[in-house]
């Protein structure tokens, strides 16, 4: 007997994609900052590689746990909102009905049509309608904390590989500048992808992403240079 697989909702797919893109982006910037900083202090390739690996492992765990805690907290808040609205409907149905009707009217819908729409929607699924209109989320669209955590756990080290490989395998006289160039190219890609997912301005997103990465590498390199010997 085959067990039917539960399909991911659009909201959950977007959440996983967001966690993947941001995880890769954080992996690129974090590990690039670490290896560039250590490279500013020493030419020892083993020390640079070891620092990068340590940063990659720590960041992977931190990102995965951060996503799990964040999404779990969001789910808990949404669950409490549903419970609160359920009690409100049980004890103050007329007040909730009036709130929704007035909200529709505020958008320009005539009073009679707003009342008819509210009646039909509340008759179909009162709790979902009330929660969506009062709290702004759809109770049927649930995001997975585990899926977001796994996405970050995979994407962070994937993003970390680029600066780690660049700083390790490029010739000593160009390894820093080559790593910076590689990181900038990667940040352009992740910045554009994040903006596309969020339907935001792609040029601004890419610019902010590249500037944040360059500043991170500059600051860590300068600090590392202070300890050069």
N, C-alpha and C. Protein backbone atom coordinates (compact mmCIF):
# COMPACT_ATOMS: atom_id res chain seq x y z
N UNK A 1 0.84 -1.19 0.00
CA UNK A 1 0.00 0.00 0.00
C UNK A 1 0.88 1.24 0.00
N UNK A 2 0.62 2.16 -0.92
CA UNK A 2 1.41 3.37 -1.02
C UNK A 2 0.86 4.43 -0.09
N UNK A 3 1.76 5.14 0.53
CA UNK A 3 1.37 6.23 1.42
C UNK A 3 1.45 7.53 0.63
N UNK A 4 0.37 8.27 0.60
CA UNK A 4 0.33 9.52 -0.17
C UNK A 4 1.25 10.54 0.48
N UNK A 5 2.03 11.17 -0.34
CA UNK A 5 2.94 12.19 0.16
C UNK A 5 2.21 13.53 0.27
N UNK A 6 2.44 14.21 1.37
CA UNK A 6 1.83 15.52 1.57
C UNK A 6 2.56 16.55 0.73
N UNK A 7 1.79 17.25 -0.11
CA UNK A 7 2.37 18.26 -0.97
C UNK A 7 2.63 19.54 -0.18
N UNK A 8 3.76 20.18 -0.47
CA UNK A 8 4.06 21.44 0.17
C UNK A 8 3.18 22.53 -0.41
N UNK A 9 2.70 23.42 0.46
CA UNK A 9 1.94 24.57 0.00
C UNK A 9 2.90 25.57 -0.62
N UNK A 10 2.35 26.55 -1.34
CA UNK A 10 3.18 27.57 -1.96
C UNK A 10 3.94 28.34 -0.88
N UNK A 11 3.26 28.63 0.24
CA UNK A 11 3.89 29.38 1.33
C UNK A 11 5.08 28.61 1.89
N UNK A 12 4.92 27.29 2.03
CA UNK A 12 6.01 26.48 2.57
C UNK A 12 7.17 26.38 1.58
N UNK A 13 6.85 26.25 0.30
CA UNK A 13 7.91 26.21 -0.71
C UNK A 13 8.71 27.51 -0.72
N UNK A 14 7.99 28.63 -0.64
CA UNK A 14 8.67 29.94 -0.62
C UNK A 14 9.54 30.07 0.62
N UNK A 15 9.04 29.58 1.76
CA UNK A 15 9.79 29.66 3.01
C UNK A 15 11.08 28.85 2.92
N UNK A 16 11.00 27.66 2.34
CA UNK A 16 12.18 26.81 2.18
C UNK A 16 13.18 27.45 1.22
N UNK A 17 12.66 28.03 0.13
CA UNK A 17 13.54 28.70 -0.83
C UNK A 17 14.21 29.91 -0.19
N UNK A 18 13.45 30.65 0.62
CA UNK A 18 14.02 31.81 1.32
C UNK A 18 15.14 31.37 2.26
N UNK A 19 14.88 30.31 3.03
CA UNK A 19 15.89 29.81 3.96
C UNK A 19 17.13 29.33 3.21
N UNK A 20 16.92 28.74 2.04
CA UNK A 20 18.04 28.24 1.24
C UNK A 20 18.91 29.39 0.72
N UNK A 21 18.25 30.39 0.14
CA UNK A 21 18.99 31.52 -0.43
C UNK A 21 19.71 32.30 0.66
N UNK A 22 19.00 32.60 1.75
CA UNK A 22 19.62 33.38 2.82
C UNK A 22 20.70 32.57 3.54
N UNK A 23 20.50 31.26 3.63
CA UNK A 23 21.52 30.42 4.24
C UNK A 23 22.80 30.43 3.43
N UNK A 24 22.66 30.30 2.10
CA UNK A 24 23.83 30.35 1.22
C UNK A 24 24.50 31.72 1.29
N UNK A 25 23.69 32.77 1.32
CA UNK A 25 24.23 34.13 1.38
C UNK A 25 25.03 34.34 2.67
N UNK A 26 24.46 33.90 3.79
CA UNK A 26 25.16 34.04 5.07
C UNK A 26 26.43 33.20 5.10
N UNK A 27 26.37 32.02 4.48
CA UNK A 27 27.56 31.17 4.42
C UNK A 27 28.68 31.84 3.65
N UNK A 28 28.33 32.47 2.53
CA UNK A 28 29.34 33.17 1.72
C UNK A 28 29.97 34.31 2.52
N UNK A 29 29.14 35.19 3.07
CA UNK A 29 29.65 36.38 3.77
C UNK A 29 30.40 36.01 5.04
N UNK A 30 29.82 35.11 5.85
CA UNK A 30 30.44 34.76 7.13
C UNK A 30 31.82 34.13 6.96
N UNK A 31 31.89 33.11 6.11
CA UNK A 31 33.16 32.40 5.94
C UNK A 31 34.16 33.27 5.17
N UNK A 32 33.67 34.08 4.23
CA UNK A 32 34.58 35.00 3.52
C UNK A 32 35.20 35.97 4.51
N UNK A 33 34.39 36.48 5.43
CA UNK A 33 34.92 37.39 6.45
C UNK A 33 35.96 36.72 7.33
N UNK A 34 35.70 35.47 7.69
CA UNK A 34 36.64 34.74 8.55
C UNK A 34 37.97 34.49 7.84
N UNK A 35 37.90 33.93 6.63
CA UNK A 35 39.15 33.55 5.95
C UNK A 35 39.94 34.77 5.49
N UNK A 36 39.25 35.83 5.08
CA UNK A 36 39.95 37.05 4.69
C UNK A 36 40.60 37.69 5.91
N UNK A 37 39.91 37.64 7.04
CA UNK A 37 40.47 38.19 8.27
C UNK A 37 41.72 37.45 8.72
N UNK A 38 41.65 36.12 8.68
CA UNK A 38 42.81 35.33 9.08
C UNK A 38 43.94 35.50 8.08
N UNK A 39 43.59 35.62 6.78
CA UNK A 39 44.60 35.83 5.75
C UNK A 39 45.31 37.17 5.93
N UNK A 40 44.61 38.13 6.53
CA UNK A 40 45.23 39.41 6.81
C UNK A 40 46.28 39.30 7.90
N UNK A 41 46.16 38.27 8.74
CA UNK A 41 47.09 38.11 9.85
C UNK A 41 48.22 37.12 9.56
N UNK A 42 47.95 36.15 8.68
CA UNK A 42 48.96 35.13 8.42
C UNK A 42 48.85 34.58 7.01
N UNK A 43 49.95 34.08 6.49
CA UNK A 43 49.96 33.41 5.19
C UNK A 43 49.86 31.89 5.31
N UNK A 44 49.71 31.43 6.54
CA UNK A 44 49.64 29.99 6.80
C UNK A 44 48.32 29.42 6.25
N UNK A 45 48.42 28.70 5.15
CA UNK A 45 47.22 28.18 4.50
C UNK A 45 46.44 27.22 5.39
N UNK A 46 47.16 26.44 6.20
CA UNK A 46 46.49 25.50 7.10
C UNK A 46 45.65 26.24 8.13
N UNK A 47 46.20 27.31 8.69
CA UNK A 47 45.48 28.09 9.70
C UNK A 47 44.24 28.75 9.09
N UNK A 48 44.39 29.25 7.87
CA UNK A 48 43.27 29.89 7.19
C UNK A 48 42.17 28.87 6.91
N UNK A 49 42.59 27.71 6.41
CA UNK A 49 41.62 26.65 6.09
C UNK A 49 40.91 26.16 7.34
N UNK A 50 41.66 25.98 8.42
CA UNK A 50 41.09 25.50 9.68
C UNK A 50 40.07 26.49 10.23
N UNK A 51 40.41 27.78 10.17
CA UNK A 51 39.48 28.81 10.64
C UNK A 51 38.21 28.81 9.80
N UNK A 52 38.37 28.63 8.47
CA UNK A 52 37.21 28.60 7.59
C UNK A 52 36.30 27.41 7.87
N UNK A 53 36.90 26.25 8.08
CA UNK A 53 36.12 25.04 8.39
C UNK A 53 35.37 25.22 9.71
N UNK A 54 36.05 25.76 10.72
CA UNK A 54 35.41 25.99 12.02
C UNK A 54 34.23 26.94 11.87
N UNK A 55 34.43 28.01 11.09
CA UNK A 55 33.35 28.96 10.86
C UNK A 55 32.18 28.34 10.12
N UNK A 56 32.50 27.48 9.15
CA UNK A 56 31.46 26.81 8.38
C UNK A 56 30.62 25.88 9.27
N UNK A 57 31.27 25.10 10.11
CA UNK A 57 30.54 24.18 10.99
C UNK A 57 29.70 24.93 12.01
N UNK A 58 30.30 25.96 12.63
CA UNK A 58 29.56 26.74 13.62
C UNK A 58 28.38 27.46 12.97
N UNK A 59 28.62 28.03 11.80
CA UNK A 59 27.55 28.75 11.11
C UNK A 59 26.43 27.84 10.66
N UNK A 60 26.77 26.64 10.22
CA UNK A 60 25.76 25.68 9.78
C UNK A 60 24.81 25.33 10.91
N UNK A 61 25.38 25.03 12.07
CA UNK A 61 24.56 24.68 13.24
C UNK A 61 23.74 25.89 13.69
N UNK A 62 24.38 27.05 13.74
CA UNK A 62 23.70 28.27 14.18
C UNK A 62 22.54 28.63 13.27
N UNK A 63 22.75 28.57 11.95
CA UNK A 63 21.69 28.91 11.00
C UNK A 63 20.53 27.92 11.08
N UNK A 64 20.85 26.64 11.15
CA UNK A 64 19.80 25.63 11.21
C UNK A 64 18.96 25.77 12.47
N UNK A 65 19.63 25.94 13.61
CA UNK A 65 18.91 26.11 14.87
C UNK A 65 18.14 27.42 14.90
N UNK A 66 18.72 28.45 14.29
CA UNK A 66 18.04 29.75 14.24
C UNK A 66 16.75 29.67 13.44
N UNK A 67 16.79 28.99 12.30
CA UNK A 67 15.59 28.82 11.48
C UNK A 67 14.55 27.99 12.23
N UNK A 68 15.00 26.94 12.88
CA UNK A 68 14.07 26.07 13.61
C UNK A 68 13.38 26.84 14.73
N UNK A 69 14.14 27.60 15.49
CA UNK A 69 13.57 28.39 16.59
C UNK A 69 12.64 29.47 16.06
N UNK A 70 13.08 30.17 15.00
CA UNK A 70 12.30 31.27 14.44
C UNK A 70 10.95 30.80 13.90
N UNK A 71 10.98 29.76 13.07
CA UNK A 71 9.73 29.27 12.48
C UNK A 71 8.85 28.62 13.54
N UNK A 72 9.45 27.93 14.50
CA UNK A 72 8.68 27.31 15.58
C UNK A 72 7.97 28.38 16.41
N UNK A 73 8.67 29.48 16.68
CA UNK A 73 8.07 30.59 17.43
C UNK A 73 6.92 31.20 16.64
N UNK A 74 7.11 31.35 15.34
CA UNK A 74 6.04 31.87 14.49
C UNK A 74 4.83 30.96 14.52
N UNK A 75 5.07 29.66 14.42
CA UNK A 75 3.98 28.69 14.46
C UNK A 75 3.25 28.74 15.79
N UNK A 76 4.00 28.88 16.89
CA UNK A 76 3.37 28.97 18.22
C UNK A 76 2.48 30.21 18.32
N UNK A 77 2.98 31.33 17.78
CA UNK A 77 2.21 32.58 17.81
C UNK A 77 0.94 32.45 16.98
N UNK A 78 1.05 31.82 15.83
CA UNK A 78 -0.12 31.63 14.98
C UNK A 78 -1.13 30.70 15.65
N UNK A 79 -0.63 29.67 16.34
CA UNK A 79 -1.52 28.74 17.02
C UNK A 79 -2.28 29.45 18.15
N UNK A 80 -1.58 30.32 18.88
CA UNK A 80 -2.25 31.07 19.95
C UNK A 80 -3.29 32.04 19.38
N UNK A 81 -2.98 32.61 18.22
CA UNK A 81 -3.93 33.53 17.58
C UNK A 81 -5.20 32.79 17.18
N UNK A 82 -5.05 31.58 16.65
CA UNK A 82 -6.21 30.78 16.27
C UNK A 82 -7.05 30.43 17.49
N UNK A 83 -6.37 30.04 18.58
CA UNK A 83 -7.09 29.70 19.81
C UNK A 83 -7.83 30.91 20.36
N UNK A 84 -7.17 32.07 20.34
CA UNK A 84 -7.78 33.31 20.85
C UNK A 84 -8.99 33.69 20.01
N UNK A 85 -8.87 33.55 18.70
CA UNK A 85 -9.98 33.92 17.82
C UNK A 85 -11.13 32.93 17.95
N UNK A 86 -10.82 31.67 18.20
CA UNK A 86 -11.85 30.66 18.40
C UNK A 86 -12.69 31.00 19.63
N UNK A 87 -12.01 31.42 20.71
CA UNK A 87 -12.74 31.80 21.92
C UNK A 87 -13.55 33.07 21.70
N UNK A 88 -13.00 33.99 20.90
CA UNK A 88 -13.71 35.24 20.61
C UNK A 88 -14.99 34.96 19.83
N UNK A 89 -14.92 34.03 18.89
CA UNK A 89 -16.10 33.68 18.11
C UNK A 89 -17.15 32.99 18.98
N UNK A 90 -16.70 32.18 19.92
CA UNK A 90 -17.64 31.49 20.82
C UNK A 90 -18.37 32.47 21.73
N UNK A 91 -17.64 33.47 22.23
CA UNK A 91 -18.25 34.39 23.19
C UNK A 91 -18.71 35.73 22.64
N UNK A 92 -18.14 36.16 21.52
CA UNK A 92 -18.46 37.49 20.98
C UNK A 92 -18.55 37.43 19.46
N UNK A 93 -19.38 36.53 18.96
CA UNK A 93 -19.47 36.33 17.52
C UNK A 93 -19.88 37.60 16.79
N UNK A 94 -20.88 38.31 17.35
CA UNK A 94 -21.39 39.52 16.70
C UNK A 94 -20.30 40.59 16.57
N UNK A 95 -19.45 40.70 17.59
CA UNK A 95 -18.37 41.69 17.54
C UNK A 95 -17.36 41.34 16.45
N UNK A 96 -17.03 40.06 16.32
CA UNK A 96 -16.09 39.63 15.30
C UNK A 96 -16.69 39.82 13.90
N UNK A 97 -17.97 39.52 13.80
CA UNK A 97 -18.67 39.71 12.52
C UNK A 97 -18.63 41.18 12.12
N UNK A 98 -18.91 42.04 13.08
CA UNK A 98 -18.92 43.48 12.81
C UNK A 98 -17.53 43.98 12.43
N UNK A 99 -16.50 43.45 13.09
CA UNK A 99 -15.12 43.85 12.78
C UNK A 99 -14.78 43.54 11.33
N UNK A 100 -15.12 42.33 10.90
CA UNK A 100 -14.81 41.91 9.53
C UNK A 100 -15.61 42.73 8.52
N UNK A 101 -16.91 42.91 8.80
CA UNK A 101 -17.75 43.69 7.89
C UNK A 101 -17.23 45.11 7.74
N UNK A 102 -16.86 45.73 8.88
CA UNK A 102 -16.33 47.09 8.83
C UNK A 102 -15.01 47.17 8.08
N UNK A 103 -14.22 46.11 8.20
CA UNK A 103 -12.94 46.09 7.49
C UNK A 103 -13.17 46.06 5.99
N UNK A 104 -14.16 45.27 5.55
CA UNK A 104 -14.50 45.23 4.13
C UNK A 104 -15.03 46.58 3.67
N UNK A 105 -15.86 47.21 4.50
CA UNK A 105 -16.41 48.51 4.15
C UNK A 105 -15.31 49.57 4.02
N UNK A 106 -14.30 49.45 4.85
CA UNK A 106 -13.19 50.43 4.81
C UNK A 106 -12.42 50.37 3.50
N UNK A 107 -12.55 49.25 2.80
CA UNK A 107 -11.87 49.13 1.50
C UNK A 107 -12.70 49.72 0.36
N UNK A 108 -13.91 50.20 0.71
CA UNK A 108 -14.76 50.81 -0.31
C UNK A 108 -15.94 49.96 -0.73
N UNK A 109 -16.12 48.79 -0.12
CA UNK A 109 -17.25 47.92 -0.45
C UNK A 109 -18.51 48.48 0.20
N UNK A 110 -19.63 48.58 -0.52
CA UNK A 110 -20.88 49.07 0.07
C UNK A 110 -21.31 48.23 1.27
N UNK A 111 -22.01 48.84 2.22
CA UNK A 111 -22.38 48.17 3.48
C UNK A 111 -23.16 46.88 3.24
N UNK A 112 -24.13 46.91 2.34
CA UNK A 112 -24.95 45.72 2.09
C UNK A 112 -24.11 44.58 1.52
N UNK A 113 -23.24 44.92 0.59
CA UNK A 113 -22.38 43.90 -0.03
C UNK A 113 -21.35 43.38 0.97
N UNK A 114 -20.83 44.27 1.83
CA UNK A 114 -19.86 43.86 2.85
C UNK A 114 -20.50 42.89 3.83
N UNK A 115 -21.74 43.14 4.21
CA UNK A 115 -22.44 42.25 5.14
C UNK A 115 -22.72 40.90 4.49
N UNK A 116 -23.12 40.92 3.23
CA UNK A 116 -23.39 39.67 2.51
C UNK A 116 -22.11 38.84 2.38
N UNK A 117 -21.01 39.51 2.02
CA UNK A 117 -19.73 38.80 1.86
C UNK A 117 -19.27 38.21 3.19
N UNK A 118 -19.45 38.98 4.27
CA UNK A 118 -19.04 38.50 5.59
C UNK A 118 -19.85 37.28 5.99
N UNK A 119 -21.17 37.31 5.74
CA UNK A 119 -22.03 36.19 6.09
C UNK A 119 -21.60 34.93 5.35
N UNK A 120 -21.34 35.09 4.04
CA UNK A 120 -20.97 33.93 3.23
C UNK A 120 -19.63 33.35 3.65
N UNK A 121 -18.68 34.23 3.94
CA UNK A 121 -17.34 33.75 4.32
C UNK A 121 -17.36 33.14 5.71
N UNK A 122 -18.09 33.74 6.62
CA UNK A 122 -18.16 33.20 7.98
C UNK A 122 -18.93 31.88 8.01
N UNK A 123 -19.90 31.74 7.11
CA UNK A 123 -20.65 30.48 7.04
C UNK A 123 -19.77 29.36 6.50
N UNK A 124 -18.85 29.73 5.63
CA UNK A 124 -17.96 28.72 5.04
C UNK A 124 -16.91 28.24 6.03
N UNK A 125 -16.19 29.15 6.65
CA UNK A 125 -15.15 28.80 7.63
C UNK A 125 -14.90 30.02 8.51
N UNK A 126 -15.64 30.09 9.60
CA UNK A 126 -15.61 31.28 10.45
C UNK A 126 -14.24 31.55 11.06
N UNK A 127 -13.60 30.50 11.56
CA UNK A 127 -12.31 30.69 12.24
C UNK A 127 -11.24 31.16 11.26
N UNK A 128 -11.13 30.49 10.12
CA UNK A 128 -10.12 30.88 9.14
C UNK A 128 -10.34 32.31 8.65
N UNK A 129 -11.61 32.64 8.39
CA UNK A 129 -11.93 33.99 7.92
C UNK A 129 -11.57 35.04 8.98
N UNK A 130 -11.97 34.79 10.22
CA UNK A 130 -11.72 35.74 11.29
C UNK A 130 -10.23 35.91 11.57
N UNK A 131 -9.51 34.81 11.57
CA UNK A 131 -8.06 34.87 11.81
C UNK A 131 -7.36 35.62 10.69
N UNK A 132 -7.73 35.32 9.46
CA UNK A 132 -7.10 35.98 8.31
C UNK A 132 -7.35 37.49 8.32
N UNK A 133 -8.58 37.89 8.65
CA UNK A 133 -8.91 39.31 8.62
C UNK A 133 -8.38 40.07 9.83
N UNK A 134 -8.30 39.41 10.99
CA UNK A 134 -7.84 40.12 12.20
C UNK A 134 -6.32 40.04 12.37
N UNK A 135 -5.71 38.92 12.01
CA UNK A 135 -4.28 38.74 12.27
C UNK A 135 -3.42 38.72 11.00
N UNK A 136 -4.05 38.63 9.84
CA UNK A 136 -3.30 38.77 8.60
C UNK A 136 -2.56 37.54 8.11
N UNK A 137 -2.94 36.36 8.54
CA UNK A 137 -2.32 35.14 7.99
C UNK A 137 -3.39 34.09 7.78
N UNK A 138 -3.09 33.15 6.89
CA UNK A 138 -4.02 32.08 6.58
C UNK A 138 -3.66 30.85 7.41
N UNK A 139 -4.55 30.43 8.32
CA UNK A 139 -4.25 29.27 9.18
C UNK A 139 -3.99 27.99 8.40
N UNK A 140 -4.48 27.92 7.17
CA UNK A 140 -4.28 26.70 6.37
C UNK A 140 -2.88 26.64 5.77
N UNK A 141 -2.19 27.77 5.69
CA UNK A 141 -0.84 27.81 5.15
C UNK A 141 0.16 27.70 6.29
N UNK A 142 0.70 26.52 6.47
CA UNK A 142 1.61 26.27 7.59
C UNK A 142 3.03 26.00 7.07
N UNK A 143 3.98 26.70 7.67
CA UNK A 143 5.38 26.51 7.30
C UNK A 143 6.02 25.48 8.23
N UNK A 144 6.98 24.77 7.71
CA UNK A 144 7.64 23.71 8.47
C UNK A 144 8.97 24.20 9.05
N UNK A 145 9.10 24.14 10.35
CA UNK A 145 10.35 24.54 11.01
C UNK A 145 11.48 23.59 10.63
N UNK A 146 11.17 22.31 10.51
CA UNK A 146 12.19 21.32 10.17
C UNK A 146 12.68 21.52 8.74
N UNK A 147 11.75 21.79 7.81
CA UNK A 147 12.14 22.00 6.42
C UNK A 147 13.03 23.23 6.29
N UNK A 148 12.69 24.31 7.02
CA UNK A 148 13.50 25.53 6.97
C UNK A 148 14.89 25.28 7.56
N UNK A 149 14.94 24.51 8.66
CA UNK A 149 16.22 24.20 9.30
C UNK A 149 17.10 23.35 8.38
N UNK A 150 16.50 22.36 7.73
CA UNK A 150 17.26 21.50 6.81
C UNK A 150 17.77 22.30 5.61
N UNK A 151 16.94 23.22 5.13
CA UNK A 151 17.35 24.05 3.99
C UNK A 151 18.58 24.88 4.36
N UNK A 152 18.57 25.47 5.56
CA UNK A 152 19.72 26.26 6.02
C UNK A 152 20.94 25.38 6.27
N UNK A 153 20.69 24.18 6.81
CA UNK A 153 21.79 23.26 7.11
C UNK A 153 22.53 22.83 5.85
N UNK A 154 21.81 22.79 4.73
CA UNK A 154 22.43 22.41 3.46
C UNK A 154 23.04 23.62 2.75
N UNK A 155 22.30 24.73 2.75
CA UNK A 155 22.72 25.89 1.96
C UNK A 155 23.88 26.67 2.58
N UNK A 156 23.96 26.75 3.91
CA UNK A 156 25.05 27.51 4.53
C UNK A 156 26.42 26.93 4.17
N UNK A 157 26.66 25.63 4.39
CA UNK A 157 27.97 25.09 4.01
C UNK A 157 28.20 25.13 2.50
N UNK A 158 27.12 25.03 1.71
CA UNK A 158 27.27 25.13 0.25
C UNK A 158 27.81 26.49 -0.13
N UNK A 159 27.25 27.56 0.47
CA UNK A 159 27.76 28.90 0.23
C UNK A 159 29.16 29.10 0.77
N UNK A 160 29.47 28.43 1.88
CA UNK A 160 30.78 28.58 2.52
C UNK A 160 31.91 28.01 1.69
N UNK A 161 31.58 27.03 0.85
CA UNK A 161 32.62 26.35 0.07
C UNK A 161 33.37 27.30 -0.84
N UNK A 162 32.66 28.25 -1.45
CA UNK A 162 33.28 29.16 -2.41
C UNK A 162 34.45 29.95 -1.82
N UNK A 163 34.24 30.74 -0.75
CA UNK A 163 35.38 31.49 -0.20
C UNK A 163 36.46 30.58 0.38
N UNK A 164 36.05 29.44 0.93
CA UNK A 164 37.01 28.52 1.52
C UNK A 164 37.93 27.93 0.46
N UNK A 165 37.35 27.50 -0.65
CA UNK A 165 38.15 26.93 -1.75
C UNK A 165 39.01 28.01 -2.40
N UNK A 166 38.44 29.19 -2.59
CA UNK A 166 39.18 30.28 -3.24
C UNK A 166 40.42 30.67 -2.44
N UNK A 167 40.27 30.88 -1.14
CA UNK A 167 41.39 31.34 -0.32
C UNK A 167 42.43 30.24 -0.15
N UNK A 168 42.01 28.97 -0.31
CA UNK A 168 42.92 27.85 -0.10
C UNK A 168 43.73 27.49 -1.35
N UNK A 169 43.09 27.53 -2.51
CA UNK A 169 43.72 26.98 -3.71
C UNK A 169 44.27 28.01 -4.70
N UNK A 170 43.87 29.27 -4.58
CA UNK A 170 44.47 30.27 -5.46
C UNK A 170 45.91 30.52 -5.03
N UNK A 171 46.79 30.91 -5.98
CA UNK A 171 48.19 31.22 -5.62
C UNK A 171 48.25 32.30 -4.54
N UNK A 172 49.27 32.23 -3.71
CA UNK A 172 49.37 33.11 -2.55
C UNK A 172 49.30 34.59 -2.91
N UNK A 173 49.89 34.99 -4.04
CA UNK A 173 49.96 36.42 -4.36
C UNK A 173 48.63 36.99 -4.86
N UNK A 174 47.66 36.12 -5.20
CA UNK A 174 46.37 36.65 -5.67
C UNK A 174 45.19 36.07 -4.89
N UNK A 175 45.46 35.27 -3.87
CA UNK A 175 44.35 34.55 -3.23
C UNK A 175 43.33 35.47 -2.56
N UNK A 176 43.79 36.59 -1.98
CA UNK A 176 42.84 37.49 -1.32
C UNK A 176 41.96 38.20 -2.35
N UNK A 177 42.56 38.78 -3.35
CA UNK A 177 41.78 39.49 -4.36
C UNK A 177 40.90 38.54 -5.16
N UNK A 178 41.39 37.33 -5.42
CA UNK A 178 40.60 36.33 -6.16
C UNK A 178 39.39 35.90 -5.33
N UNK A 179 39.60 35.76 -4.02
CA UNK A 179 38.49 35.39 -3.13
C UNK A 179 37.45 36.49 -3.09
N UNK A 180 37.90 37.74 -3.02
CA UNK A 180 36.98 38.88 -3.00
C UNK A 180 36.13 38.90 -4.27
N UNK A 181 36.77 38.71 -5.43
CA UNK A 181 36.05 38.72 -6.70
C UNK A 181 35.04 37.58 -6.75
N UNK A 182 35.44 36.39 -6.33
CA UNK A 182 34.54 35.23 -6.34
C UNK A 182 33.35 35.47 -5.42
N UNK A 183 33.62 36.05 -4.27
CA UNK A 183 32.55 36.33 -3.30
C UNK A 183 31.58 37.36 -3.85
N UNK A 184 32.09 38.40 -4.48
CA UNK A 184 31.22 39.44 -5.05
C UNK A 184 30.29 38.84 -6.11
N UNK A 185 30.83 37.99 -6.97
CA UNK A 185 30.00 37.34 -8.00
C UNK A 185 28.91 36.50 -7.35
N UNK A 186 29.28 35.75 -6.32
CA UNK A 186 28.30 34.91 -5.63
C UNK A 186 27.23 35.75 -4.94
N UNK A 187 27.62 36.88 -4.36
CA UNK A 187 26.67 37.75 -3.67
C UNK A 187 25.72 38.43 -4.65
N UNK A 188 26.18 38.69 -5.85
CA UNK A 188 25.29 39.23 -6.88
C UNK A 188 24.18 38.22 -7.18
N UNK A 189 24.57 36.95 -7.27
CA UNK A 189 23.61 35.89 -7.57
C UNK A 189 22.59 35.72 -6.44
N UNK A 190 23.09 35.63 -5.19
CA UNK A 190 22.18 35.42 -4.06
C UNK A 190 21.32 36.66 -3.80
N UNK A 191 21.89 37.84 -3.99
CA UNK A 191 21.12 39.06 -3.81
C UNK A 191 19.99 39.16 -4.81
N UNK A 192 20.28 38.83 -6.06
CA UNK A 192 19.27 38.85 -7.11
C UNK A 192 18.18 37.80 -6.82
N UNK A 193 18.61 36.61 -6.39
CA UNK A 193 17.66 35.53 -6.10
C UNK A 193 16.74 35.90 -4.95
N UNK A 194 17.31 36.49 -3.89
CA UNK A 194 16.50 36.88 -2.74
C UNK A 194 15.48 37.94 -3.13
N UNK A 195 15.89 38.89 -3.96
CA UNK A 195 14.98 39.94 -4.41
C UNK A 195 13.87 39.36 -5.28
N UNK A 196 14.21 38.40 -6.12
CA UNK A 196 13.22 37.76 -6.98
C UNK A 196 12.18 37.01 -6.14
N UNK A 197 12.62 36.34 -5.09
CA UNK A 197 11.70 35.62 -4.21
C UNK A 197 10.77 36.58 -3.47
N UNK A 198 11.33 37.72 -3.04
CA UNK A 198 10.54 38.68 -2.29
C UNK A 198 9.87 39.73 -3.15
N UNK A 199 9.99 39.60 -4.47
CA UNK A 199 9.41 40.56 -5.41
C UNK A 199 9.87 41.99 -5.10
N UNK A 200 11.16 42.12 -4.77
CA UNK A 200 11.72 43.42 -4.40
C UNK A 200 12.58 43.97 -5.54
N UNK A 201 13.07 45.19 -5.34
CA UNK A 201 13.93 45.82 -6.34
C UNK A 201 15.25 45.07 -6.41
N UNK A 202 15.53 44.48 -7.56
CA UNK A 202 16.70 43.60 -7.69
C UNK A 202 18.02 44.39 -7.66
N UNK A 203 18.04 45.56 -8.27
CA UNK A 203 19.27 46.36 -8.30
C UNK A 203 19.67 46.78 -6.89
N UNK A 204 18.71 47.27 -6.12
CA UNK A 204 18.99 47.70 -4.74
C UNK A 204 19.42 46.52 -3.88
N UNK A 205 18.74 45.38 -4.06
CA UNK A 205 19.06 44.20 -3.27
C UNK A 205 20.48 43.72 -3.55
N UNK A 206 20.85 43.69 -4.82
CA UNK A 206 22.20 43.26 -5.20
C UNK A 206 23.23 44.23 -4.65
N UNK A 207 22.96 45.53 -4.79
CA UNK A 207 23.88 46.55 -4.29
C UNK A 207 24.11 46.41 -2.79
N UNK A 208 23.01 46.29 -2.03
CA UNK A 208 23.13 46.14 -0.57
C UNK A 208 23.90 44.88 -0.21
N UNK A 209 23.63 43.80 -0.92
CA UNK A 209 24.28 42.53 -0.62
C UNK A 209 25.79 42.60 -0.87
N UNK A 210 26.16 43.18 -2.01
CA UNK A 210 27.58 43.29 -2.35
C UNK A 210 28.30 44.23 -1.39
N UNK A 211 27.67 45.36 -1.06
CA UNK A 211 28.29 46.32 -0.14
C UNK A 211 28.49 45.69 1.24
N UNK A 212 27.48 44.95 1.73
CA UNK A 212 27.61 44.32 3.04
C UNK A 212 28.73 43.29 3.04
N UNK A 213 28.88 42.55 1.95
CA UNK A 213 29.95 41.56 1.85
C UNK A 213 31.32 42.22 1.80
N UNK A 214 31.44 43.28 1.00
CA UNK A 214 32.72 43.99 0.90
C UNK A 214 33.11 44.62 2.23
N UNK A 215 32.15 45.21 2.92
CA UNK A 215 32.44 45.82 4.22
C UNK A 215 32.89 44.76 5.23
N UNK A 216 32.21 43.62 5.20
CA UNK A 216 32.58 42.53 6.11
C UNK A 216 34.02 42.10 5.88
N UNK A 217 34.38 41.87 4.61
CA UNK A 217 35.73 41.43 4.30
C UNK A 217 36.77 42.51 4.60
N UNK A 218 36.42 43.77 4.34
CA UNK A 218 37.35 44.87 4.61
C UNK A 218 37.64 44.99 6.10
N UNK A 219 36.59 44.97 6.90
CA UNK A 219 36.75 45.11 8.36
C UNK A 219 37.55 43.95 8.93
N UNK A 220 37.21 42.72 8.55
CA UNK A 220 37.94 41.57 9.10
C UNK A 220 39.40 41.55 8.63
N UNK A 221 39.63 41.98 7.38
CA UNK A 221 41.01 42.02 6.87
C UNK A 221 41.83 43.05 7.64
N UNK A 222 41.25 44.22 7.89
CA UNK A 222 41.97 45.27 8.63
C UNK A 222 42.27 44.82 10.06
N UNK A 223 41.30 44.17 10.68
CA UNK A 223 41.53 43.68 12.05
C UNK A 223 42.59 42.59 12.04
N UNK A 224 42.52 41.69 11.06
CA UNK A 224 43.53 40.63 10.96
C UNK A 224 44.92 41.20 10.73
N UNK A 225 44.99 42.28 9.93
CA UNK A 225 46.29 42.92 9.63
C UNK A 225 46.95 43.48 10.87
N UNK A 226 46.14 43.86 11.86
CA UNK A 226 46.68 44.40 13.10
C UNK A 226 47.51 43.36 13.86
N UNK A 227 47.19 42.08 13.59
CA UNK A 227 47.89 41.00 14.30
C UNK A 227 48.90 40.27 13.40
N UNK A 228 49.15 40.86 12.23
CA UNK A 228 50.10 40.24 11.29
C UNK A 228 51.50 40.25 11.89
N UNK A 229 52.23 39.19 11.59
CA UNK A 229 53.60 39.12 12.10
C UNK A 229 54.51 38.45 11.07
